[in-house]
């Protein structure tokens, strides 16, 4: 665009030193425009484009970490819900057993003894289920903690890489400017 603007200047008719001056100004402007175009192209290819690529990869890595942490949190929450459910079941079985023991004191018969034994087995099973759920929760919590530490270190490394990448490209930019 500058070439057409420069060539449309009506200075071609000037003669003498003024004509030479105008010719020198036109040449100088054309040369400067070419330098700016080359600088712009280099800036785009050596600074802007690599930064944009890095940014896209950085977003993907962050999203992957976010999903991983979210999955761990969901897993931990579900294990906690299982513990609560098992705890409620144990409480219900213990109440049932206690009620049957009280009924046994009032009237003694074989059917009541069988019901009490059955309630004891259910209460014991509910206690075992609760312990199993607590163990699974503790394992999930331990894994969650380990993964959080690992992911925090990964995120820290990603941030350090991002800062270094920006520093390098700013240095590249300043070198291009000089």
Protein backbone atom coordinates (compact mmCIF):
# COMPACT_ATOMS: atom_id res chain seq x y z
CA UNK A 1 0.00 0.00 0.00
CA UNK A 2 2.83 2.39 0.79
CA UNK A 3 4.41 1.77 -2.60
CA UNK A 4 1.26 2.92 -4.37
CA UNK A 5 1.00 5.94 -2.09
CA UNK A 6 4.63 6.79 -2.65
CA UNK A 7 4.45 6.28 -6.37
CA UNK A 8 1.37 8.47 -6.60
CA UNK A 9 3.22 11.43 -5.11
CA UNK A 10 3.60 14.06 -7.73
CA UNK A 11 7.23 14.54 -7.01
CA UNK A 12 8.49 12.79 -10.08
CA UNK A 13 8.37 16.10 -11.92
CA UNK A 14 10.64 17.86 -9.47
CA UNK A 15 14.08 18.62 -10.74
CA UNK A 16 17.42 19.35 -9.21
CA UNK A 17 18.21 18.88 -5.53
CA UNK A 18 14.51 18.92 -4.54
CA UNK A 19 13.82 16.03 -6.91
CA UNK A 20 16.79 14.10 -5.50
CA UNK A 21 15.59 14.79 -1.94
CA UNK A 22 12.11 13.54 -2.77
CA UNK A 23 13.54 10.45 -4.42
CA UNK A 24 15.68 9.79 -1.33
CA UNK A 25 12.64 10.26 0.99
CA UNK A 26 10.60 7.83 -1.14
CA UNK A 27 13.39 5.26 -1.13
CA UNK A 28 13.90 5.67 2.61
CA UNK A 29 10.18 5.21 3.30
CA UNK A 30 10.05 2.10 1.10
CA UNK A 31 13.10 0.64 2.86
CA UNK A 32 11.64 1.38 6.29
CA UNK A 33 8.31 -0.18 5.31
CA UNK A 34 10.11 -3.34 4.18
CA UNK A 35 12.03 -3.50 7.47
CA UNK A 36 8.77 -3.15 9.39
CA UNK A 37 7.13 -5.90 7.34
CA UNK A 38 10.08 -8.24 7.90
CA UNK A 39 10.11 -7.42 11.62
CA UNK A 40 6.38 -8.05 11.82
CA UNK A 41 6.74 -11.42 10.07
CA UNK A 42 9.64 -12.45 12.32
CA UNK A 43 7.74 -11.30 15.40
CA UNK A 44 4.76 -13.37 14.35
CA UNK A 45 6.75 -16.51 13.50
CA UNK A 46 9.33 -16.40 16.30
CA UNK A 47 7.39 -14.90 19.20
CA UNK A 48 3.63 -14.78 18.75
CA UNK A 49 3.06 -18.18 17.12
CA UNK A 50 5.21 -20.20 19.59
CA UNK A 51 3.55 -18.40 22.51
CA UNK A 52 0.09 -19.21 21.17
CA UNK A 53 1.05 -22.88 20.67
CA UNK A 54 2.46 -23.02 24.18
CA UNK A 55 -0.71 -21.39 25.54
CA UNK A 56 -2.93 -24.00 23.85
CA UNK A 57 -0.84 -26.87 25.25
CA UNK A 58 -0.81 -25.22 28.67
CA UNK A 59 -4.63 -25.00 28.64
CA UNK A 60 -4.85 -28.70 27.71
CA UNK A 61 -2.49 -29.67 30.55
CA UNK A 62 -4.42 -27.54 33.04
CA UNK A 63 -7.72 -29.06 31.91
CA UNK A 64 -6.29 -32.57 32.28
CA UNK A 65 -5.09 -31.80 35.83
CA UNK A 66 -8.43 -30.22 36.68
CA UNK A 67 -10.35 -33.28 35.48
CA UNK A 68 -8.03 -35.61 37.37
CA UNK A 69 -8.44 -33.66 40.61
CA UNK A 70 -12.21 -33.46 40.07
CA UNK A 71 -12.41 -37.23 39.58
CA UNK A 72 -10.44 -37.80 42.78
CA UNK A 73 -12.74 -35.46 44.71
CA UNK A 74 -15.84 -37.26 43.37
CA UNK A 75 -14.36 -40.62 44.32
CA UNK A 76 -13.55 -39.38 47.81
CA UNK A 77 -17.06 -37.97 48.22
CA UNK A 78 -18.66 -41.24 47.09
CA UNK A 79 -16.55 -43.22 49.58
CA UNK A 80 -17.62 -40.82 52.32
CA UNK A 81 -21.28 -41.34 51.32
CA UNK A 82 -20.75 -45.12 51.55
CA UNK A 83 -19.33 -44.70 55.05
CA UNK A 84 -22.35 -42.67 56.12
CA UNK A 85 -24.74 -45.22 54.59
CA UNK A 86 -22.94 -48.13 56.31
CA UNK A 87 -22.96 -46.22 59.59
CA UNK A 88 -26.74 -45.69 59.34
CA UNK A 89 -27.24 -49.38 58.51
CA UNK A 90 -25.18 -50.38 61.55
CA UNK A 91 -27.17 -48.05 63.79
CA UNK A 92 -30.44 -49.54 62.49
CA UNK A 93 -29.21 -53.11 63.01
CA UNK A 94 -28.05 -52.30 66.54
CA UNK A 95 -31.45 -50.75 67.38
CA UNK A 96 -33.20 -53.82 65.98
CA UNK A 97 -30.95 -56.10 68.03
CA UNK A 98 -31.51 -54.07 71.17
CA UNK A 99 -35.29 -54.13 70.64
CA UNK A 100 -35.27 -57.90 70.16
CA UNK A 101 -33.16 -58.36 73.30
CA UNK A 102 -35.72 -56.32 75.25
CA UNK A 103 -38.54 -58.45 73.83
CA UNK A 104 -36.63 -61.59 74.81
CA UNK A 105 -36.50 -60.44 78.43
CA UNK A 106 -40.26 -60.01 78.39
CA UNK A 107 -41.12 -63.38 76.82
CA UNK A 108 -38.80 -66.21 76.08
CA UNK A 109 -39.41 -68.49 73.11
CA UNK A 110 -37.40 -70.21 70.35
CA UNK A 111 -38.55 -67.87 67.59
CA UNK A 112 -37.24 -64.87 69.53
CA UNK A 113 -33.88 -66.55 70.06
CA UNK A 114 -33.59 -67.18 66.32
CA UNK A 115 -34.58 -63.58 65.59
CA UNK A 116 -31.96 -62.35 68.03
CA UNK A 117 -29.25 -64.50 66.47
CA UNK A 118 -30.29 -63.27 63.04
CA UNK A 119 -30.23 -59.65 64.27
CA UNK A 120 -26.79 -60.25 65.81
CA UNK A 121 -25.49 -61.59 62.49
CA UNK A 122 -26.96 -58.59 60.63
CA UNK A 123 -25.48 -56.21 63.19
CA UNK A 124 -22.09 -57.90 62.91
CA UNK A 125 -22.32 -57.80 59.11
CA UNK A 126 -23.28 -54.12 59.20
CA UNK A 127 -20.28 -53.45 61.47
CA UNK A 128 -18.02 -55.32 59.07
CA UNK A 129 -19.48 -53.37 56.13
CA UNK A 130 -18.86 -50.12 57.99
CA UNK A 131 -15.25 -51.07 58.68
CA UNK A 132 -14.78 -52.02 55.02
CA UNK A 133 -16.26 -48.68 53.91
CA UNK A 134 -14.07 -46.80 56.38
CA UNK A 135 -11.00 -48.65 55.07
CA UNK A 136 -11.94 -47.82 51.46
CA UNK A 137 -12.53 -44.20 52.42
CA UNK A 138 -9.17 -44.00 54.19
CA UNK A 139 -7.45 -45.50 51.13
CA UNK A 140 -9.23 -43.04 48.83
CA UNK A 141 -8.34 -40.16 51.13
CA UNK A 142 -4.69 -41.24 51.22
CA UNK A 143 -4.62 -41.55 47.40
CA UNK A 144 -6.35 -38.17 47.11
CA UNK A 145 -3.72 -36.56 49.32
CA UNK A 146 -0.84 -38.15 47.38
CA UNK A 147 -2.38 -37.13 44.05
CA UNK A 148 -3.01 -33.59 45.28
CA UNK A 149 0.66 -33.27 46.24
CA UNK A 150 1.71 -34.72 42.88
CA UNK A 151 -0.69 -32.51 40.94
CA UNK A 152 0.36 -29.44 42.90
CA UNK A 153 3.98 -30.14 41.98
CA UNK A 154 2.97 -30.68 38.33
CA UNK A 155 1.02 -27.41 38.33
CA UNK A 156 3.98 -25.64 39.88
CA UNK A 157 6.23 -27.04 37.13
CA UNK A 158 3.73 -26.01 34.44
CA UNK A 159 3.69 -22.48 35.84
CA UNK A 160 7.49 -22.37 35.99
CA UNK A 161 7.62 -23.58 32.36
CA UNK A 162 5.08 -20.94 31.36
CA UNK A 163 7.07 -18.15 33.02
CA UNK A 164 10.30 -19.39 31.41
CA UNK A 165 8.64 -19.59 28.00
CA UNK A 166 7.37 -16.02 28.32
CA UNK A 167 10.82 -14.85 29.48
CA UNK A 168 12.50 -16.52 26.52
CA UNK A 169 10.08 -15.01 24.04
CA UNK A 170 10.38 -11.57 25.56
CA UNK A 171 14.16 -11.91 25.21
CA UNK A 172 13.62 -13.05 21.61
CA UNK A 173 11.42 -9.99 21.06
CA UNK A 174 14.03 -7.62 22.45
CA UNK A 175 16.73 -9.26 20.32
CA UNK A 176 14.54 -8.82 17.25
CA UNK A 177 14.00 -5.18 18.17
CA UNK A 178 17.74 -4.57 18.26
